[in-house]
Amino acid sequence: ILFGFGNAGVAVGFSNLWEHGGFMPNGWGGMLAAMCVVAAAFQGVELVGITAGEAQNPKHTLKRAVNNIVWRILIFYIGSIFVILCIYPWNEVSYIGSPFVMTFAKVGISSAAAIINFVVLTAALSGCNSGMYSSARMIYTLAQNGQAPKCFLKLSKSGVPRNGISVTIIVLFIGVILNYLIPNSKLFLYLYSASVFPGMVAWFVLAYAQKNFRKAWGPEVMAKHEFKSPLYPYSNYFCILFLVLVTIGMLYNPDTRMSIFSSWVYMAAVIIAWFACGLNKKKYDQDGHLIKTDEEP
């Protein structure tokens, strides 16, 4: 970009960012359509809250983890796309294969494909690992609250909810089988986009609950709170507005429209089961014994 390495010494510069139709050639609609799928890539950052119960010093480790997340998104997500779009015009990227491979190859790294494959595999395994961890822990908590079968309360000798992990692995394996039986289809896109809206529901709840939490405790208490929110409450409103826009975009995108409808059906079924079965009225201890409340004899 600056010195022309891999480009015969001619610096590419930053002009590709605003040439070939402008900075946003397809307007806000194009960006919104992309975010319908891209939003899923950012889901999981809220999992840092799940680890609070197991952190030895959450006041230190959680603040450090949150700050690291911000910098990693800026460097590895926004930074990498910034570099690629500076080197290659946006309207040529889809015709050159993997833009990451081409970028490395352009600067003379011949084993670019192998490097990128290793990075992608590592990232996929990391995402899978965090998903299994969070899924097993949430299933365990649901079982404690009487919202899942008691069998998910069983822990291994090291304190791992093994039954929750086993079920998660089975579901993952079903996805592998479907991908094998239905290759070269839009199955991945449907499954991937179907996870966007249920994941955003957690963001809706977090943004709304955090706003109410700080409002309830008042500015005096929040001023001394360990976890600052300097843009409160505007950051909460911006987050909610963004999620609404992504949801609207999913309804207009034919590739994600069906997935969001299926997400609504699934969530409706969960809500109906919640009230119909009284799942919020029972709690269990770690041994699976029912904890009696004041309302029960």
C-alpha atoms as a PDB file:
ATOM      1  CA  ILE A   1       0.000   0.000   0.000  1.00  0.00           C
ATOM      2  CA  LEU A   2       2.723   2.465   0.990  1.00  0.00           C
ATOM      3  CA  PHE A   3       5.914   1.121  -0.643  1.00  0.00           C
ATOM      4  CA  GLY A   4       4.666  -1.038  -3.537  1.00  0.00           C
ATOM      5  CA  PHE A   5       6.053  -4.361  -2.313  1.00  0.00           C
ATOM      6  CA  GLY A   6       4.727  -7.054  -4.665  1.00  0.00           C
ATOM      7  CA  ASN A   7       3.501  -4.391  -7.091  1.00  0.00           C
ATOM      8  CA  ALA A   8       6.742  -3.614  -8.998  1.00  0.00           C
ATOM      9  CA  GLY A   9       7.589  -0.910  -6.481  1.00  0.00           C
ATOM     10  CA  VAL A  10       4.507   1.151  -7.314  1.00  0.00           C
ATOM     11  CA  ALA A  11       2.603   2.148  -4.176  1.00  0.00           C
ATOM     12  CA  VAL A  12      -1.081   1.268  -4.451  1.00  0.00           C
ATOM     13  CA  GLY A  13      -2.189   3.922  -1.976  1.00  0.00           C
ATOM     14  CA  PHE A  14      -5.719   4.257  -0.623  1.00  0.00           C
ATOM     15  CA  SER A  15      -7.585   5.356  -3.738  1.00  0.00           C
ATOM     16  CA  ASN A  16      -9.304   1.967  -4.164  1.00  0.00           C
ATOM     17  CA  LEU A  17     -11.397   2.809  -1.110  1.00  0.00           C
ATOM     18  CA  TRP A  18     -13.324   5.567  -2.910  1.00  0.00           C
ATOM     19  CA  GLU A  19     -12.844   4.786  -6.613  1.00  0.00           C
ATOM     20  CA  HIS A  20     -14.860   2.288  -8.727  1.00  0.00           C
ATOM     21  CA  GLY A  21     -18.243   3.718  -7.770  1.00  0.00           C
ATOM     22  CA  GLY A  22     -17.436   5.579  -4.580  1.00  0.00           C
ATOM     23  CA  PHE A  23     -16.856   4.658  -0.950  1.00  0.00           C
ATOM     24  CA  MET A  24     -20.200   2.867  -0.650  1.00  0.00           C
ATOM     25  CA  PRO A  25     -21.116   2.021  -4.259  1.00  0.00           C
ATOM     26  CA  ASN A  26     -24.252   0.083  -3.266  1.00  0.00           C
ATOM     27  CA  GLY A  27     -25.290   2.562  -0.594  1.00  0.00           C
ATOM     28  CA  TRP A  28     -26.507   1.803   2.896  1.00  0.00           C
ATOM     29  CA  GLY A  29     -28.656  -0.998   1.523  1.00  0.00           C
ATOM     30  CA  GLY A  30     -25.594  -2.887   0.322  1.00  0.00           C
ATOM     31  CA  MET A  31     -23.893  -2.593   3.695  1.00  0.00           C
ATOM     32  CA  LEU A  32     -27.068  -3.641   5.506  1.00  0.00           C
ATOM     33  CA  ALA A  33     -27.477  -6.685   3.262  1.00  0.00           C
ATOM     34  CA  ALA A  34     -23.913  -7.730   4.062  1.00  0.00           C
ATOM     35  CA  MET A  35     -24.421  -7.207   7.794  1.00  0.00           C
ATOM     36  CA  CYS A  36     -27.301  -9.700   7.750  1.00  0.00           C
ATOM     37  CA  VAL A  37     -24.689 -12.438   7.448  1.00  0.00           C
ATOM     38  CA  VAL A  38     -21.613 -10.684   8.833  1.00  0.00           C
ATOM     39  CA  ALA A  39     -23.341  -9.968  12.177  1.00  0.00           C
ATOM     40  CA  ALA A  40     -23.076 -13.660  13.038  1.00  0.00           C
ATOM     41  CA  ALA A  41     -19.278 -13.395  12.900  1.00  0.00           C
ATOM     42  CA  PHE A  42     -19.360 -10.956  15.818  1.00  0.00           C
ATOM     43  CA  GLN A  43     -21.713 -13.057  17.914  1.00  0.00           C
ATOM     44  CA  GLY A  44     -20.008 -14.683  20.839  1.00  0.00           C
ATOM     45  CA  VAL A  45     -18.375 -11.592  22.315  1.00  0.00           C
ATOM     46  CA  GLU A  46     -21.045 -11.691  25.023  1.00  0.00           C
ATOM     47  CA  LEU A  47     -19.679 -15.060  26.168  1.00  0.00           C
ATOM     48  CA  VAL A  48     -17.128 -13.154  28.229  1.00  0.00           C
ATOM     49  CA  GLY A  49     -19.950 -12.611  30.723  1.00  0.00           C
ATOM     50  CA  ILE A  50     -20.489 -16.353  31.127  1.00  0.00           C
ATOM     51  CA  THR A  51     -16.878 -16.764  32.264  1.00  0.00           C
ATOM     52  CA  ALA A  52     -17.405 -14.264  35.117  1.00  0.00           C
ATOM     53  CA  GLY A  53     -18.594 -17.025  37.426  1.00  0.00           C
ATOM     54  CA  GLU A  54     -15.374 -18.983  36.945  1.00  0.00           C
ATOM     55  CA  ALA A  55     -12.865 -16.117  36.902  1.00  0.00           C
ATOM     56  CA  GLN A  56     -10.687 -15.780  40.002  1.00  0.00           C
ATOM     57  CA  ASN A  57     -10.463 -12.007  39.688  1.00  0.00           C
ATOM     58  CA  PRO A  58     -13.309 -10.867  37.421  1.00  0.00           C
ATOM     59  CA  LYS A  59     -12.745  -7.161  38.112  1.00  0.00           C
ATOM     60  CA  HIS A  60      -9.335  -7.442  36.458  1.00  0.00           C
ATOM     61  CA  THR A  61      -9.675 -10.305  33.975  1.00  0.00           C
ATOM     62  CA  LEU A  62     -13.049  -9.274  32.513  1.00  0.00           C
ATOM     63  CA  LYS A  63     -11.992  -5.682  31.897  1.00  0.00           C
ATOM     64  CA  ARG A  64      -8.838  -6.921  30.222  1.00  0.00           C
ATOM     65  CA  ALA A  65     -10.793  -9.425  28.120  1.00  0.00           C
ATOM     66  CA  VAL A  66     -13.327  -6.816  26.956  1.00  0.00           C
ATOM     67  CA  ASN A  67     -10.578  -4.370  25.984  1.00  0.00           C
ATOM     68  CA  ASN A  68      -8.752  -7.134  24.097  1.00  0.00           C
ATOM     69  CA  ILE A  69     -11.939  -7.975  22.190  1.00  0.00           C
ATOM     70  CA  VAL A  70     -12.247  -4.388  20.966  1.00  0.00           C
ATOM     71  CA  TRP A  71      -8.649  -4.255  19.744  1.00  0.00           C
ATOM     72  CA  ARG A  72      -8.847  -7.684  18.112  1.00  0.00           C
ATOM     73  CA  ILE A  73     -11.964  -6.689  16.175  1.00  0.00           C
ATOM     74  CA  LEU A  74     -10.255  -3.483  15.025  1.00  0.00           C
ATOM     75  CA  ILE A  75      -7.076  -5.296  13.948  1.00  0.00           C
ATOM     76  CA  PHE A  76      -8.199  -8.698  12.658  1.00  0.00           C
ATOM     77  CA  TYR A  77     -11.628  -7.812  11.264  1.00  0.00           C
ATOM     78  CA  ILE A  78     -11.618  -4.165  10.236  1.00  0.00           C
ATOM     79  CA  GLY A  79      -7.853  -3.953   9.712  1.00  0.00           C
ATOM     80  CA  SER A  80      -7.621  -6.972   7.424  1.00  0.00           C
ATOM     81  CA  ILE A  81     -10.574  -5.851   5.279  1.00  0.00           C
ATOM     82  CA  PHE A  82      -9.072  -2.350   5.111  1.00  0.00           C
ATOM     83  CA  VAL A  83      -5.795  -3.726   3.734  1.00  0.00           C
ATOM     84  CA  ILE A  84      -7.504  -5.970   1.172  1.00  0.00           C
ATOM     85  CA  LEU A  85      -9.773  -3.217  -0.138  1.00  0.00           C
ATOM     86  CA  CYS A  86      -6.798  -0.880  -0.472  1.00  0.00           C
ATOM     87  CA  ILE A  87      -4.864  -3.423  -2.560  1.00  0.00           C
ATOM     88  CA  TYR A  88      -7.722  -4.767  -4.685  1.00  0.00           C
ATOM     89  CA  PRO A  89     -10.739  -2.860  -6.056  1.00  0.00           C
ATOM     90  CA  TRP A  90     -13.911  -4.070  -4.355  1.00  0.00           C
ATOM     91  CA  ASN A  91     -15.494  -5.087  -7.672  1.00  0.00           C
ATOM     92  CA  GLU A  92     -12.578  -7.443  -8.462  1.00  0.00           C
ATOM     93  CA  VAL A  93     -12.290  -9.208  -5.121  1.00  0.00           C
ATOM     94  CA  SER A  94     -14.975 -11.802  -5.869  1.00  0.00           C
ATOM     95  CA  TYR A  95     -13.160 -12.906  -9.048  1.00  0.00           C
ATOM     96  CA  ILE A  96      -9.689 -13.532  -7.600  1.00  0.00           C
ATOM     97  CA  GLY A  97     -10.475 -16.389  -5.221  1.00  0.00           C
ATOM     98  CA  SER A  98      -9.642 -15.920  -1.577  1.00  0.00           C
ATOM     99  CA  PRO A  99      -8.643 -12.254  -1.113  1.00  0.00           C
ATOM    100  CA  PHE A 100      -6.437 -13.197   1.828  1.00  0.00           C
ATOM    101  CA  VAL A 101      -4.519 -15.750  -0.242  1.00  0.00           C
ATOM    102  CA  MET A 102      -4.089 -13.274  -3.086  1.00  0.00           C
ATOM    103  CA  THR A 103      -2.867 -10.564  -0.719  1.00  0.00           C
ATOM    104  CA  PHE A 104      -0.160 -12.802   0.733  1.00  0.00           C
ATOM    105  CA  ALA A 105       0.780 -14.103  -2.702  1.00  0.00           C
ATOM    106  CA  LYS A 106       1.114 -10.556  -4.024  1.00  0.00           C
ATOM    107  CA  VAL A 107       3.825  -9.744  -1.472  1.00  0.00           C
ATOM    108  CA  GLY A 108       5.754 -12.903  -2.371  1.00  0.00           C
ATOM    109  CA  ILE A 109       4.562 -15.481   0.166  1.00  0.00           C
ATOM    110  CA  SER A 110       4.210 -18.557  -2.032  1.00  0.00           C
ATOM    111  CA  SER A 111       2.660 -20.747   0.662  1.00  0.00           C
ATOM    112  CA  ALA A 112      -0.169 -18.273   1.166  1.00  0.00           C
ATOM    113  CA  ALA A 113      -2.954 -20.830   0.616  1.00  0.00           C
ATOM    114  CA  ALA A 114      -1.566 -23.199   3.244  1.00  0.00           C
ATOM    115  CA  ILE A 115      -1.139 -20.348   5.738  1.00  0.00           C
ATOM    116  CA  ILE A 116      -4.708 -19.117   5.243  1.00  0.00           C
ATOM    117  CA  ASN A 117      -6.108 -22.643   5.485  1.00  0.00           C
ATOM    118  CA  PHE A 118      -4.285 -23.072   8.786  1.00  0.00           C
ATOM    119  CA  VAL A 119      -5.622 -19.743  10.071  1.00  0.00           C
ATOM    120  CA  VAL A 120      -9.189 -20.550   8.984  1.00  0.00           C
ATOM    121  CA  LEU A 121      -9.040 -24.013  10.559  1.00  0.00           C
ATOM    122  CA  THR A 122      -7.641 -22.578  13.792  1.00  0.00           C
ATOM    123  CA  ALA A 123     -10.353 -19.917  13.894  1.00  0.00           C
ATOM    124  CA  ALA A 124     -13.064 -22.507  13.223  1.00  0.00           C
ATOM    125  CA  LEU A 125     -11.781 -24.768  15.991  1.00  0.00           C
ATOM    126  CA  SER A 126     -11.592 -21.810  18.359  1.00  0.00           C
ATOM    127  CA  GLY A 127     -15.171 -20.825  17.564  1.00  0.00           C
ATOM    128  CA  CYS A 128     -16.314 -24.415  17.953  1.00  0.00           C
ATOM    129  CA  ASN A 129     -14.533 -24.682  21.295  1.00  0.00           C
ATOM    130  CA  SER A 130     -16.135 -21.518  22.683  1.00  0.00           C
ATOM    131  CA  GLY A 131     -19.530 -22.638  21.373  1.00  0.00           C
ATOM    132  CA  MET A 132     -19.254 -26.010  23.097  1.00  0.00           C
ATOM    133  CA  TYR A 133     -18.147 -24.365  26.333  1.00  0.00           C
ATOM    134  CA  SER A 134     -20.962 -21.812  26.394  1.00  0.00           C
ATOM    135  CA  SER A 135     -23.592 -24.308  25.255  1.00  0.00           C
ATOM    136  CA  ALA A 136     -22.701 -26.847  27.933  1.00  0.00           C
ATOM    137  CA  ARG A 137     -22.636 -24.200  30.665  1.00  0.00           C
ATOM    138  CA  MET A 138     -25.957 -22.694  29.639  1.00  0.00           C
ATOM    139  CA  ILE A 139     -27.618 -26.127  29.425  1.00  0.00           C
ATOM    140  CA  TYR A 140     -26.285 -26.842  32.922  1.00  0.00           C
ATOM    141  CA  THR A 141     -27.747 -23.564  34.236  1.00  0.00           C
ATOM    142  CA  LEU A 142     -31.084 -24.302  32.552  1.00  0.00           C
ATOM    143  CA  ALA A 143     -31.144 -27.685  34.268  1.00  0.00           C
ATOM    144  CA  GLN A 144     -30.468 -26.029  37.625  1.00  0.00           C
ATOM    145  CA  ASN A 145     -33.434 -23.736  37.022  1.00  0.00           C
ATOM    146  CA  GLY A 146     -35.677 -26.641  36.096  1.00  0.00           C
ATOM    147  CA  GLN A 147     -35.783 -25.573  32.447  1.00  0.00           C
ATOM    148  CA  ALA A 148     -33.898 -28.607  31.104  1.00  0.00           C
ATOM    149  CA  PRO A 149     -33.775 -32.315  32.071  1.00  0.00           C
ATOM    150  CA  LYS A 150     -31.966 -33.128  35.317  1.00  0.00           C
ATOM    151  CA  CYS A 151     -29.526 -35.387  33.462  1.00  0.00           C
ATOM    152  CA  PHE A 152     -27.659 -32.249  32.362  1.00  0.00           C
ATOM    153  CA  LEU A 153     -26.716 -31.569  35.998  1.00  0.00           C
ATOM    154  CA  LYS A 154     -24.147 -34.367  35.999  1.00  0.00           C
ATOM    155  CA  LEU A 155     -20.563 -33.129  36.173  1.00  0.00           C
ATOM    156  CA  SER A 156     -17.311 -34.932  35.531  1.00  0.00           C
ATOM    157  CA  LYS A 157     -14.656 -35.220  38.237  1.00  0.00           C
ATOM    158  CA  SER A 158     -13.094 -32.020  36.955  1.00  0.00           C
ATOM    159  CA  GLY A 159     -16.414 -30.147  37.102  1.00  0.00           C
ATOM    160  CA  VAL A 160     -17.250 -30.298  33.389  1.00  0.00           C
ATOM    161  CA  PRO A 161     -20.949 -30.692  32.392  1.00  0.00           C
ATOM    162  CA  ARG A 162     -20.266 -33.737  30.236  1.00  0.00           C
ATOM    163  CA  ASN A 163     -23.869 -34.457  29.200  1.00  0.00           C
ATOM    164  CA  GLY A 164     -24.300 -30.918  27.894  1.00  0.00           C
ATOM    165  CA  ILE A 165     -21.098 -31.246  25.885  1.00  0.00           C
ATOM    166  CA  SER A 166     -22.204 -34.636  24.520  1.00  0.00           C
ATOM    167  CA  VAL A 167     -25.494 -33.218  23.241  1.00  0.00           C
ATOM    168  CA  THR A 168     -23.673 -30.255  21.696  1.00  0.00           C
ATOM    169  CA  ILE A 169     -21.292 -32.613  19.870  1.00  0.00           C
ATOM    170  CA  ILE A 170     -24.241 -34.660  18.545  1.00  0.00           C
ATOM    171  CA  VAL A 171     -25.893 -31.530  17.130  1.00  0.00           C
ATOM    172  CA  LEU A 172     -22.601 -30.464  15.530  1.00  0.00           C
ATOM    173  CA  PHE A 173     -22.236 -33.925  13.993  1.00  0.00           C
ATOM    174  CA  ILE A 174     -25.721 -33.654  12.491  1.00  0.00           C
ATOM    175  CA  GLY A 175     -24.561 -30.473  10.756  1.00  0.00           C
ATOM    176  CA  VAL A 176     -21.549 -32.329   9.352  1.00  0.00           C
ATOM    177  CA  ILE A 177     -23.801 -35.095   7.995  1.00  0.00           C
ATOM    178  CA  LEU A 178     -26.163 -32.589   6.359  1.00  0.00           C
ATOM    179  CA  ASN A 179     -23.224 -30.819   4.753  1.00  0.00           C
ATOM    180  CA  TYR A 180     -22.023 -34.149   3.360  1.00  0.00           C
ATOM    181  CA  LEU A 181     -25.452 -35.235   2.078  1.00  0.00           C
ATOM    182  CA  ILE A 182     -26.349 -31.852   0.560  1.00  0.00           C
ATOM    183  CA  PRO A 183     -23.110 -30.426  -0.858  1.00  0.00           C
ATOM    184  CA  ASN A 184     -22.914 -27.282  -2.982  1.00  0.00           C
ATOM    185  CA  SER A 185     -26.204 -25.965  -1.617  1.00  0.00           C
ATOM    186  CA  LYS A 186     -27.247 -22.911   0.372  1.00  0.00           C
ATOM    187  CA  LEU A 187     -27.559 -25.041   3.500  1.00  0.00           C
ATOM    188  CA  PHE A 188     -24.591 -23.348   5.143  1.00  0.00           C
ATOM    189  CA  LEU A 189     -26.000 -19.904   4.374  1.00  0.00           C
ATOM    190  CA  TYR A 190     -29.402 -20.860   5.791  1.00  0.00           C
ATOM    191  CA  LEU A 191     -27.984 -22.366   8.977  1.00  0.00           C
ATOM    192  CA  TYR A 192     -25.505 -19.530   9.412  1.00  0.00           C
ATOM    193  CA  SER A 193     -28.053 -16.784   8.912  1.00  0.00           C
ATOM    194  CA  ALA A 194     -30.625 -18.629  11.032  1.00  0.00           C
ATOM    195  CA  SER A 195     -28.302 -18.168  14.001  1.00  0.00           C
ATOM    196  CA  VAL A 196     -28.112 -14.414  13.478  1.00  0.00           C
ATOM    197  CA  PHE A 197     -31.502 -13.393  14.853  1.00  0.00           C
ATOM    198  CA  PRO A 198     -31.554 -15.702  17.935  1.00  0.00           C
ATOM    199  CA  GLY A 199     -28.055 -14.438  18.684  1.00  0.00           C
ATOM    200  CA  MET A 200     -29.202 -10.854  18.324  1.00  0.00           C
ATOM    201  CA  VAL A 201     -32.003 -11.478  20.815  1.00  0.00           C
ATOM    202  CA  ALA A 202     -29.339 -11.850  23.484  1.00  0.00           C
ATOM    203  CA  TRP A 203     -27.877  -8.512  22.373  1.00  0.00           C
ATOM    204  CA  PHE A 204     -31.327  -6.890  22.544  1.00  0.00           C
ATOM    205  CA  VAL A 205     -31.770  -8.151  26.098  1.00  0.00           C
ATOM    206  CA  LEU A 206     -28.247  -7.171  27.167  1.00  0.00           C
ATOM    207  CA  ALA A 207     -28.517  -3.638  25.785  1.00  0.00           C
ATOM    208  CA  TYR A 208     -31.919  -3.086  27.404  1.00  0.00           C
ATOM    209  CA  ALA A 209     -31.055  -4.760  30.729  1.00  0.00           C
ATOM    210  CA  GLN A 210     -27.733  -2.930  31.089  1.00  0.00           C
ATOM    211  CA  LYS A 211     -29.476   0.396  30.512  1.00  0.00           C
ATOM    212  CA  ASN A 212     -32.065  -0.367  33.189  1.00  0.00           C
ATOM    213  CA  PHE A 213     -29.402  -1.716  35.546  1.00  0.00           C
ATOM    214  CA  ARG A 214     -27.414   1.508  35.508  1.00  0.00           C
ATOM    215  CA  LYS A 215     -30.556   3.609  35.724  1.00  0.00           C
ATOM    216  CA  ALA A 216     -31.821   1.663  38.747  1.00  0.00           C
ATOM    217  CA  TRP A 217     -28.577   2.049  40.703  1.00  0.00           C
ATOM    218  CA  GLY A 218     -28.208   5.719  39.892  1.00  0.00           C
ATOM    219  CA  PRO A 219     -25.268   7.829  38.672  1.00  0.00           C
ATOM    220  CA  GLU A 220     -23.636   7.999  42.132  1.00  0.00           C
ATOM    221  CA  VAL A 221     -23.179   4.235  42.400  1.00  0.00           C
ATOM    222  CA  MET A 222     -22.281   3.839  38.724  1.00  0.00           C
ATOM    223  CA  ALA A 223     -19.549   6.457  39.027  1.00  0.00           C
ATOM    224  CA  LYS A 224     -17.706   4.109  41.398  1.00  0.00           C
ATOM    225  CA  HIS A 225     -18.560   0.962  39.427  1.00  0.00           C
ATOM    226  CA  GLU A 226     -15.605  -1.108  38.172  1.00  0.00           C
ATOM    227  CA  PHE A 227     -17.055  -1.456  34.660  1.00  0.00           C
ATOM    228  CA  LYS A 228     -17.533   1.909  33.002  1.00  0.00           C
ATOM    229  CA  SER A 229     -19.938   2.686  30.170  1.00  0.00           C
ATOM    230  CA  PRO A 230     -18.801   6.122  28.965  1.00  0.00           C
ATOM    231  CA  LEU A 231     -21.379   6.434  26.157  1.00  0.00           C
ATOM    232  CA  TYR A 232     -24.341   5.316  28.285  1.00  0.00           C
ATOM    233  CA  PRO A 233     -27.223   5.434  27.433  1.00  0.00           C
ATOM    234  CA  TYR A 234     -26.576   6.429  23.797  1.00  0.00           C
ATOM    235  CA  SER A 235     -24.505   3.308  23.107  1.00  0.00           C
ATOM    236  CA  ASN A 236     -27.472   1.208  24.223  1.00  0.00           C
ATOM    237  CA  TYR A 237     -29.846   3.051  21.901  1.00  0.00           C
ATOM    238  CA  PHE A 238     -27.380   2.775  19.007  1.00  0.00           C
ATOM    239  CA  CYS A 239     -26.984  -0.968  19.580  1.00  0.00           C
ATOM    240  CA  ILE A 240     -30.743  -1.542  19.628  1.00  0.00           C
ATOM    241  CA  LEU A 241     -31.228   0.597  16.501  1.00  0.00           C
ATOM    242  CA  PHE A 242     -28.499  -1.326  14.682  1.00  0.00           C
ATOM    243  CA  LEU A 243     -30.084  -4.669  15.580  1.00  0.00           C
ATOM    244  CA  VAL A 244     -33.468  -3.458  14.327  1.00  0.00           C
ATOM    245  CA  LEU A 245     -31.906  -2.416  11.015  1.00  0.00           C
ATOM    246  CA  VAL A 246     -30.175  -5.801  10.601  1.00  0.00           C
ATOM    247  CA  THR A 247     -33.471  -7.551  11.303  1.00  0.00           C
ATOM    248  CA  ILE A 248     -35.218  -5.438   8.663  1.00  0.00           C
ATOM    249  CA  GLY A 249     -32.394  -6.187   6.237  1.00  0.00           C
ATOM    250  CA  MET A 250     -32.819  -9.920   6.828  1.00  0.00           C
ATOM    251  CA  LEU A 251     -36.475  -9.630   5.881  1.00  0.00           C
ATOM    252  CA  TYR A 252     -35.588  -7.963   2.564  1.00  0.00           C
ATOM    253  CA  ASN A 253     -32.740 -10.360   1.729  1.00  0.00           C
ATOM    254  CA  PRO A 254     -34.172 -13.453  -0.040  1.00  0.00           C
ATOM    255  CA  ASP A 255     -31.310 -15.622   1.245  1.00  0.00           C
ATOM    256  CA  THR A 256     -32.000 -14.784   4.891  1.00  0.00           C
ATOM    257  CA  ARG A 257     -35.761 -14.198   4.854  1.00  0.00           C
ATOM    258  CA  MET A 258     -36.692 -17.856   5.325  1.00  0.00           C
ATOM    259  CA  SER A 259     -34.114 -18.294   8.086  1.00  0.00           C
ATOM    260  CA  ILE A 260     -35.477 -15.412  10.131  1.00  0.00           C
ATOM    261  CA  PHE A 261     -38.996 -16.812   9.819  1.00  0.00           C
ATOM    262  CA  SER A 262     -37.753 -20.187  11.068  1.00  0.00           C
ATOM    263  CA  SER A 263     -35.999 -18.391  13.932  1.00  0.00           C
ATOM    264  CA  TRP A 264     -39.265 -16.741  14.945  1.00  0.00           C
ATOM    265  CA  VAL A 265     -41.093 -20.071  14.851  1.00  0.00           C
ATOM    266  CA  TYR A 266     -38.412 -21.669  17.004  1.00  0.00           C
ATOM    267  CA  MET A 267     -38.457 -18.834  19.543  1.00  0.00           C
ATOM    268  CA  ALA A 268     -42.260 -18.869  19.662  1.00  0.00           C
ATOM    269  CA  ALA A 269     -42.161 -22.598  20.441  1.00  0.00           C
ATOM    270  CA  VAL A 270     -39.670 -21.997  23.258  1.00  0.00           C
ATOM    271  CA  ILE A 271     -41.786 -19.191  24.751  1.00  0.00           C
ATOM    272  CA  ILE A 272     -44.959 -21.305  24.592  1.00  0.00           C
ATOM    273  CA  ALA A 273     -43.166 -24.210  26.264  1.00  0.00           C
ATOM    274  CA  TRP A 274     -41.883 -21.842  28.956  1.00  0.00           C
ATOM    275  CA  PHE A 275     -45.376 -20.813  30.046  1.00  0.00           C
ATOM    276  CA  ALA A 276     -47.210 -24.065  29.248  1.00  0.00           C
ATOM    277  CA  CYS A 277     -44.837 -26.287  31.213  1.00  0.00           C
ATOM    278  CA  GLY A 278     -44.110 -23.847  34.044  1.00  0.00           C
ATOM    279  CA  LEU A 279     -40.392 -24.144  33.439  1.00  0.00           C
ATOM    280  CA  ASN A 280     -39.630 -21.105  35.584  1.00  0.00           C
ATOM    281  CA  LYS A 281     -41.057 -22.605  38.777  1.00  0.00           C
ATOM    282  CA  LYS A 282     -38.483 -25.285  39.572  1.00  0.00           C
ATOM    283  CA  LYS A 283     -34.846 -25.141  40.623  1.00  0.00           C
ATOM    284  CA  TYR A 284     -32.409 -27.944  41.393  1.00  0.00           C
ATOM    285  CA  ASP A 285     -29.121 -28.205  43.235  1.00  0.00           C
ATOM    286  CA  GLN A 286     -25.987 -29.803  41.783  1.00  0.00           C
ATOM    287  CA  ASP A 287     -27.127 -33.251  42.895  1.00  0.00           C
ATOM    288  CA  GLY A 288     -30.458 -32.931  41.080  1.00  0.00           C
ATOM    289  CA  HIS A 289     -32.563 -32.415  44.206  1.00  0.00           C
ATOM    290  CA  LEU A 290     -35.511 -30.034  43.944  1.00  0.00           C
ATOM    291  CA  ILE A 291     -35.035 -26.756  45.806  1.00  0.00           C
ATOM    292  CA  LYS A 292     -38.289 -25.811  47.481  1.00  0.00           C
ATOM    293  CA  THR A 293     -39.318 -22.167  47.312  1.00  0.00           C
ATOM    294  CA  ASP A 294     -41.452 -20.184  49.760  1.00  0.00           C
ATOM    295  CA  GLU A 295     -44.497 -20.756  47.553  1.00  0.00           C
ATOM    296  CA  GLU A 296     -44.210 -24.550  47.799  1.00  0.00           C
ATOM    297  CA  PRO A 297     -45.264 -26.614  50.835  1.00  0.00           C
END
